[in-house]
């Protein structure tokens, strides 16, 4: 389930629009996560990864950065990451269409709070199982969601590191992974050549023995 959506300006973390679970009890429980979201917005900058998932207990934060705006959603850990990012892409497209040219002109928090109407509509589409089966416009870039960096939000907030540092670490891990793949490919190729060479040697020996016995 998608529990909370917040849209904020990248440069200063100013919240532009938001939508929270309407259930009163759930709403109270989400106050802690709302505060964590505000702290997170202060850590995201232009060097941060444009897509990232952050574990938060039984929930996960997923965020998308596009055109100077951060789109963040809090979802249950069991909710499909692919659908969560497709949902963020959806609201990003609509928000940019409606308010893209106004983002830098506002100074009051939640200046576009009326966007909640569209958020609620989009959320219903991605939560309803029947509607999800009919979604055919998922961005192909979201197919490999395993490549999206995953961190623990408490570690990020307590460590005091900017998300750009974490992005560098993820890039290093990606480089190491590519190196290991190349090394494994080379070893497999080397092993194949060794097997072929052994077969050739055996065939040559057999031919020599056959020639010896015949002549």
Protein backbone atom coordinates (compact mmCIF):
# COMPACT_ATOMS: atom_id res chain seq x y z
CA UNK A 1 0.00 0.00 0.00
CA UNK A 2 1.11 3.58 -0.71
CA UNK A 3 0.76 5.47 2.56
CA UNK A 4 2.24 8.93 2.11
CA UNK A 5 3.33 11.05 -0.86
CA UNK A 6 5.27 14.29 -0.58
CA UNK A 7 6.56 16.51 -3.39
CA UNK A 8 9.32 18.99 -2.51
CA UNK A 9 11.62 21.46 -4.22
CA UNK A 10 15.15 20.12 -4.62
CA UNK A 11 17.07 23.31 -3.85
CA UNK A 12 15.66 23.95 -0.35
CA UNK A 13 13.36 21.02 0.47
CA UNK A 14 10.27 23.23 0.46
CA UNK A 15 7.19 20.93 0.42
CA UNK A 16 5.02 21.74 -2.57
CA UNK A 17 2.24 19.15 -2.28
CA UNK A 18 1.40 16.13 -0.15
CA UNK A 19 -1.09 13.37 0.39
CA UNK A 20 -1.37 11.09 3.42
CA UNK A 21 -3.41 8.05 4.38
CA UNK A 22 -6.88 9.20 5.36
CA UNK A 23 -7.28 6.65 8.18
CA UNK A 24 -6.91 8.54 11.48
CA UNK A 25 -4.91 5.87 13.32
CA UNK A 26 -2.58 5.32 10.40
CA UNK A 27 -2.22 9.06 9.98
CA UNK A 28 -1.00 9.44 13.57
CA UNK A 29 1.50 6.61 13.12
CA UNK A 30 2.89 8.30 10.00
CA UNK A 31 3.95 11.48 11.80
CA UNK A 32 7.34 9.91 12.61
CA UNK A 33 7.89 9.05 8.95
CA UNK A 34 6.77 12.50 7.87
CA UNK A 35 9.52 14.00 10.04
CA UNK A 36 12.06 11.59 8.54
CA UNK A 37 10.93 12.62 5.06
CA UNK A 38 11.55 16.29 5.90
CA UNK A 39 15.07 15.43 7.10
CA UNK A 40 15.67 13.41 3.96
CA UNK A 41 14.71 16.32 1.71
CA UNK A 42 17.50 18.37 3.33
CA UNK A 43 20.04 15.70 2.37
CA UNK A 44 19.07 15.30 -1.28
CA UNK A 45 20.93 17.55 -3.68
CA UNK A 46 21.83 17.76 -7.36
CA UNK A 47 24.58 15.14 -6.92
CA UNK A 48 22.27 12.62 -5.24
CA UNK A 49 21.03 9.54 -7.12
CA UNK A 50 17.91 10.36 -9.11
CA UNK A 51 16.20 7.16 -7.95
CA UNK A 52 16.66 5.60 -4.54
CA UNK A 53 14.90 3.34 -2.02
CA UNK A 54 15.37 3.70 1.74
CA UNK A 55 14.33 1.03 4.22
CA UNK A 56 12.37 2.32 7.22
CA UNK A 57 11.28 -0.57 9.44
CA UNK A 58 8.29 -2.30 7.88
CA UNK A 59 8.06 0.48 5.27
CA UNK A 60 10.22 1.82 2.46
CA UNK A 61 10.75 5.33 1.13
CA UNK A 62 11.12 5.55 -2.64
CA UNK A 63 12.05 8.83 -4.27
CA UNK A 64 12.55 10.23 -7.76
CA UNK A 65 14.31 13.48 -8.67
CA UNK A 66 13.27 15.20 -11.88
CA UNK A 67 13.61 18.82 -13.08
CA UNK A 68 14.48 20.26 -9.69
CA UNK A 69 11.67 18.48 -7.83
CA UNK A 70 11.77 15.48 -5.48
CA UNK A 71 8.86 13.04 -5.56
CA UNK A 72 8.76 10.77 -2.51
CA UNK A 73 6.40 7.99 -1.47
CA UNK A 74 6.24 5.85 1.67
CA UNK A 75 5.05 2.32 0.92
CA UNK A 76 4.77 -0.97 2.74
CA UNK A 77 7.87 -3.12 2.23
CA UNK A 78 5.76 -5.77 0.50
CA UNK A 79 4.58 -3.29 -2.14
CA UNK A 80 6.18 -3.76 -5.57
CA UNK A 81 9.16 -1.45 -6.02
CA UNK A 82 8.53 -1.39 -9.75
CA UNK A 83 4.98 -0.13 -9.22
CA UNK A 84 6.14 2.40 -6.63
CA UNK A 85 8.53 4.01 -9.11
CA UNK A 86 5.96 3.81 -11.90
CA UNK A 87 3.59 5.68 -9.58
CA UNK A 88 6.23 8.35 -8.95
CA UNK A 89 6.82 8.68 -12.70
CA UNK A 90 3.08 9.13 -13.15
CA UNK A 91 2.68 11.95 -10.64
CA UNK A 92 5.93 13.55 -11.84
CA UNK A 93 4.61 13.79 -15.39
CA UNK A 94 1.31 15.33 -14.28
CA UNK A 95 2.87 17.69 -11.72
CA UNK A 96 5.38 18.97 -14.29
CA UNK A 97 2.56 19.53 -16.75
CA UNK A 98 0.51 21.56 -14.26
CA UNK A 99 3.10 23.37 -12.17
CA UNK A 100 6.52 22.91 -13.77
CA UNK A 101 6.97 26.61 -14.57
CA UNK A 102 5.75 27.75 -11.14
CA UNK A 103 7.98 25.65 -8.87
CA UNK A 104 10.69 28.31 -8.49
CA UNK A 105 8.22 31.16 -7.92
CA UNK A 106 6.58 30.00 -4.68
CA UNK A 107 7.76 30.51 -1.09
CA UNK A 108 4.81 29.18 0.88
CA UNK A 109 4.81 25.46 1.89
CA UNK A 110 2.25 23.28 0.11
CA UNK A 111 1.47 25.95 -2.48
CA UNK A 112 0.11 23.23 -4.78
CA UNK A 113 -1.83 21.27 -2.16
CA UNK A 114 -4.73 20.93 -4.61
CA UNK A 115 -2.58 18.43 -6.49
CA UNK A 116 -3.69 15.96 -3.80
CA UNK A 117 -6.74 15.27 -5.97
CA UNK A 118 -4.58 13.80 -8.74
CA UNK A 119 -2.35 11.97 -6.25
CA UNK A 120 -5.36 10.21 -4.76
CA UNK A 121 -6.55 9.20 -8.21
CA UNK A 122 -3.13 7.87 -9.24
CA UNK A 123 -2.68 6.07 -5.93
CA UNK A 124 -5.95 4.22 -6.41
CA UNK A 125 -4.81 3.01 -9.84
CA UNK A 126 -1.59 1.56 -8.47
CA UNK A 127 -3.10 0.02 -5.33
CA UNK A 128 -6.17 -1.61 -6.91
CA UNK A 129 -5.13 -5.09 -8.11
CA UNK A 130 -7.48 -5.03 -11.09
CA UNK A 131 -6.27 -1.61 -12.18
CA UNK A 132 -2.62 -2.66 -11.81
CA UNK A 133 -3.15 -5.51 -14.25
CA UNK A 134 -4.35 -3.00 -16.83
CA UNK A 135 -1.37 -0.65 -16.49
CA UNK A 136 0.47 -0.86 -19.79
CA UNK A 137 2.42 2.40 -19.66
CA UNK A 138 5.13 1.45 -17.18
CA UNK A 139 8.41 3.11 -18.15
CA UNK A 140 10.83 0.56 -19.62
CA UNK A 141 13.61 2.18 -17.61
CA UNK A 142 11.96 0.81 -14.47
CA UNK A 143 12.24 -2.82 -15.52
CA UNK A 144 15.54 -3.40 -13.75
CA UNK A 145 14.56 -2.02 -10.34
CA UNK A 146 17.27 -4.11 -8.69
CA UNK A 147 19.80 -1.54 -9.91
CA UNK A 148 18.17 1.19 -7.82
CA UNK A 149 20.23 1.85 -4.71
CA UNK A 150 18.73 0.72 -1.40
CA UNK A 151 19.82 2.19 1.93
CA UNK A 152 18.52 2.32 5.51
CA UNK A 153 17.01 5.73 6.22
CA UNK A 154 18.05 5.81 9.90
CA UNK A 155 21.66 5.14 8.95
CA UNK A 156 21.52 7.89 6.33
CA UNK A 157 20.02 10.44 8.73
CA UNK A 158 22.28 9.57 11.67
CA UNK A 159 25.46 9.36 9.65
CA UNK A 160 25.06 12.88 8.38
CA UNK A 161 26.29 11.94 4.93
CA UNK A 162 24.82 13.53 1.87
CA UNK A 163 23.21 11.06 -0.50
CA UNK A 164 25.81 11.95 -3.10
CA UNK A 165 28.39 10.07 -0.97
CA UNK A 166 26.19 7.00 -0.96
CA UNK A 167 25.81 7.32 -4.71
CA UNK A 168 29.60 7.22 -5.09
CA UNK A 169 29.72 4.05 -3.02
CA UNK A 170 27.02 2.49 -5.17
CA UNK A 171 28.94 3.46 -8.31
CA UNK A 172 32.08 1.80 -6.93
CA UNK A 173 30.14 -1.37 -6.20
CA UNK A 174 28.77 -1.30 -9.74
CA UNK A 175 32.32 -0.96 -11.15
CA UNK A 176 33.52 -3.89 -9.06
CA UNK A 177 30.57 -5.95 -10.23
CA UNK A 178 31.43 -5.25 -13.87
CA UNK A 179 35.07 -6.21 -13.21
CA UNK A 180 34.04 -9.51 -11.66
CA UNK A 181 31.80 -10.25 -14.64
CA UNK A 182 34.66 -9.62 -17.07
CA UNK A 183 37.05 -11.76 -15.01
CA UNK A 184 34.52 -14.59 -14.85
CA UNK A 185 33.99 -14.41 -18.63
CA UNK A 186 37.75 -14.56 -19.20
CA UNK A 187 38.15 -17.57 -16.90
CA UNK A 188 35.27 -19.39 -18.58
CA UNK A 189 36.81 -18.73 -22.00
CA UNK A 190 40.22 -19.88 -20.79
CA UNK A 191 38.69 -23.06 -19.37
CA UNK A 192 36.94 -23.76 -22.69
CA UNK A 193 40.19 -23.39 -24.63
CA UNK A 194 41.93 -25.72 -22.19
CA UNK A 195 39.24 -28.38 -22.73
CA UNK A 196 39.48 -28.05 -26.51
CA UNK A 197 43.27 -28.29 -26.33
CA UNK A 198 43.07 -31.48 -24.28
CA UNK A 199 40.71 -33.06 -26.83
CA UNK A 200 43.04 -32.10 -29.70
CA UNK A 201 46.04 -33.67 -27.93
CA UNK A 202 44.13 -36.91 -27.33
CA UNK A 203 43.03 -37.07 -30.98
CA UNK A 204 46.62 -36.53 -32.20
CA UNK A 205 47.92 -39.29 -29.91
CA UNK A 206 45.24 -41.69 -31.13
CA UNK A 207 46.09 -40.92 -34.75
CA UNK A 208 49.79 -41.53 -34.10
CA UNK A 209 49.06 -44.84 -32.36
CA UNK A 210 46.75 -45.90 -35.19
CA UNK A 211 49.38 -45.06 -37.76
CA UNK A 212 52.01 -47.03 -35.80
CA UNK A 213 49.86 -50.19 -35.62
CA UNK A 214 48.76 -50.00 -39.24
CA UNK A 215 52.19 -49.38 -40.74
